[in-house]
């Protein structure tokens, strides 16, 4: 299992998502500070499993970015605030799913000025 601690910037969050999808292990990302997206985060494609612990922090879509897009796998979010997520066209504002993840858990979250839409793409 890989644990990514002290994730508090867009780049650190994006890097943790990249490393987690490439390592073939169950992973945990511990967010420790608010992040503002300068571009969309990488696609989450986790074959084994990914847990994102928000620790009460916020991720902002900066009024123009989708916050998370999950392709497949086991994905869980806890204690995260979603702010200012926005997307146009077929992209989802906060979450997008290519296929329904095999196991999805979302708990203790807050949406602030974010378009909440779960979209499944065929």
Protein backbone atom coordinates (compact mmCIF):
# COMPACT_ATOMS: atom_id res chain seq x y z
CA UNK A 1 0.00 0.00 0.00
CA UNK A 2 1.25 3.46 -0.89
CA UNK A 3 0.35 6.47 1.25
CA UNK A 4 0.76 9.98 -0.08
CA UNK A 5 0.91 12.43 2.86
CA UNK A 6 1.00 16.22 3.04
CA UNK A 7 -0.75 16.78 -0.29
CA UNK A 8 -1.68 20.45 -0.33
CA UNK A 9 -1.22 21.79 -3.87
CA UNK A 10 -2.72 21.03 -7.26
CA UNK A 11 0.58 19.58 -8.50
CA UNK A 12 1.01 17.32 -5.46
CA UNK A 13 -2.57 16.03 -5.83
CA UNK A 14 -2.10 15.40 -9.55
CA UNK A 15 1.24 13.64 -8.91
CA UNK A 16 -0.34 11.43 -6.21
CA UNK A 17 -3.14 10.42 -8.61
CA UNK A 18 -0.56 9.61 -11.31
CA UNK A 19 1.66 7.54 -9.01
CA UNK A 20 -1.32 5.71 -7.52
CA UNK A 21 -2.60 4.54 -10.88
CA UNK A 22 0.80 3.27 -11.94
CA UNK A 23 1.86 1.31 -8.84
CA UNK A 24 -0.66 -1.57 -8.78
CA UNK A 25 -1.31 -1.11 -5.05
CA UNK A 26 -4.17 0.09 -2.86
CA UNK A 27 -3.39 3.76 -2.21
CA UNK A 28 -4.33 6.52 0.18
CA UNK A 29 -3.96 10.24 -0.51
CA UNK A 30 -4.04 12.48 2.57
CA UNK A 31 -4.87 16.06 1.63
CA UNK A 32 -3.53 18.53 4.20
CA UNK A 33 -4.26 21.89 2.57
CA UNK A 34 -6.68 23.57 0.20
CA UNK A 35 -5.96 23.19 -3.52
CA UNK A 36 -7.06 25.33 -6.47
CA UNK A 37 -6.98 23.52 -9.79
CA UNK A 38 -5.02 25.24 -12.54
CA UNK A 39 -6.17 22.52 -14.93
CA UNK A 40 -8.28 19.38 -14.65
CA UNK A 41 -6.91 16.62 -12.47
CA UNK A 42 -5.76 13.44 -14.14
CA UNK A 43 -8.24 10.67 -14.81
CA UNK A 44 -8.52 8.31 -11.84
CA UNK A 45 -8.05 4.78 -13.16
CA UNK A 46 -7.29 2.71 -10.09
CA UNK A 47 -7.47 -1.06 -10.57
CA UNK A 48 -6.79 -1.86 -6.92
CA UNK A 49 -8.26 1.00 -4.88
CA UNK A 50 -7.86 4.64 -3.96
CA UNK A 51 -8.93 6.49 -0.81
CA UNK A 52 -8.74 10.29 -0.69
CA UNK A 53 -8.86 11.70 2.84
CA UNK A 54 -9.70 15.38 2.67
CA UNK A 55 -9.12 16.10 6.36
CA UNK A 56 -11.60 18.99 6.11
CA UNK A 57 -9.69 20.68 3.28
CA UNK A 58 -11.12 22.03 0.03
CA UNK A 59 -10.44 21.42 -3.64
CA UNK A 60 -11.57 24.25 -5.88
CA UNK A 61 -12.33 23.86 -9.57
CA UNK A 62 -11.45 27.56 -9.93
CA UNK A 63 -14.86 28.25 -11.55
CA UNK A 64 -13.88 26.35 -14.66
CA UNK A 65 -12.55 22.86 -13.92
CA UNK A 66 -14.12 19.46 -13.26
CA UNK A 67 -12.74 18.25 -9.94
CA UNK A 68 -12.60 14.44 -10.28
CA UNK A 69 -13.10 12.00 -13.15
CA UNK A 70 -13.08 8.30 -12.26
CA UNK A 71 -12.63 5.68 -14.97
CA UNK A 72 -12.90 2.54 -12.84
CA UNK A 73 -11.86 0.76 -9.68
CA UNK A 74 -12.57 1.22 -6.01
CA UNK A 75 -12.68 4.90 -5.06
CA UNK A 76 -13.51 6.53 -1.73
CA UNK A 77 -13.59 10.16 -0.61
CA UNK A 78 -13.82 11.36 2.97
CA UNK A 79 -13.86 14.79 4.60
CA UNK A 80 -13.39 16.93 1.50
CA UNK A 81 -15.04 20.18 0.46
CA UNK A 82 -15.67 20.72 -3.25
CA UNK A 83 -15.74 24.36 -4.36
CA UNK A 84 -16.35 26.16 -7.63
CA UNK A 85 -16.36 23.04 -9.82
CA UNK A 86 -17.63 23.66 -13.32
CA UNK A 87 -17.61 21.84 -16.60
CA UNK A 88 -19.13 22.27 -20.01
CA UNK A 89 -20.38 19.85 -22.62
CA UNK A 90 -20.24 16.21 -21.57
CA UNK A 91 -17.88 16.75 -18.65
CA UNK A 92 -19.26 16.55 -15.15
CA UNK A 93 -18.89 19.47 -12.73
CA UNK A 94 -17.58 17.63 -9.69
CA UNK A 95 -17.44 13.94 -10.64
CA UNK A 96 -17.46 12.07 -13.90
CA UNK A 97 -17.45 8.30 -14.30
CA UNK A 98 -16.68 6.35 -17.45
CA UNK A 99 -18.04 3.21 -15.82
CA UNK A 100 -19.58 2.82 -12.40
CA UNK A 101 -16.65 2.15 -10.07
CA UNK A 102 -16.77 -1.32 -8.58
CA UNK A 103 -16.97 0.24 -5.13
CA UNK A 104 -17.64 3.94 -4.52
CA UNK A 105 -17.80 5.63 -1.15
CA UNK A 106 -18.25 9.32 -0.46
CA UNK A 107 -18.63 10.58 3.11
CA UNK A 108 -18.38 13.78 5.15
CA UNK A 109 -18.28 16.20 2.23
CA UNK A 110 -19.42 19.73 1.47
CA UNK A 111 -20.28 21.39 -1.82
CA UNK A 112 -19.77 25.13 -2.10
CA UNK A 113 -20.74 26.76 -5.41
CA UNK A 114 -20.01 23.51 -7.23
CA UNK A 115 -22.21 21.87 -9.84
CA UNK A 116 -22.80 18.36 -8.50
CA UNK A 117 -23.45 15.95 -11.30
CA UNK A 118 -22.56 12.30 -11.59
CA UNK A 119 -22.35 11.32 -15.21
CA UNK A 120 -21.89 7.83 -16.63
CA UNK A 121 -20.43 7.62 -20.12
CA UNK A 122 -21.18 4.61 -22.29
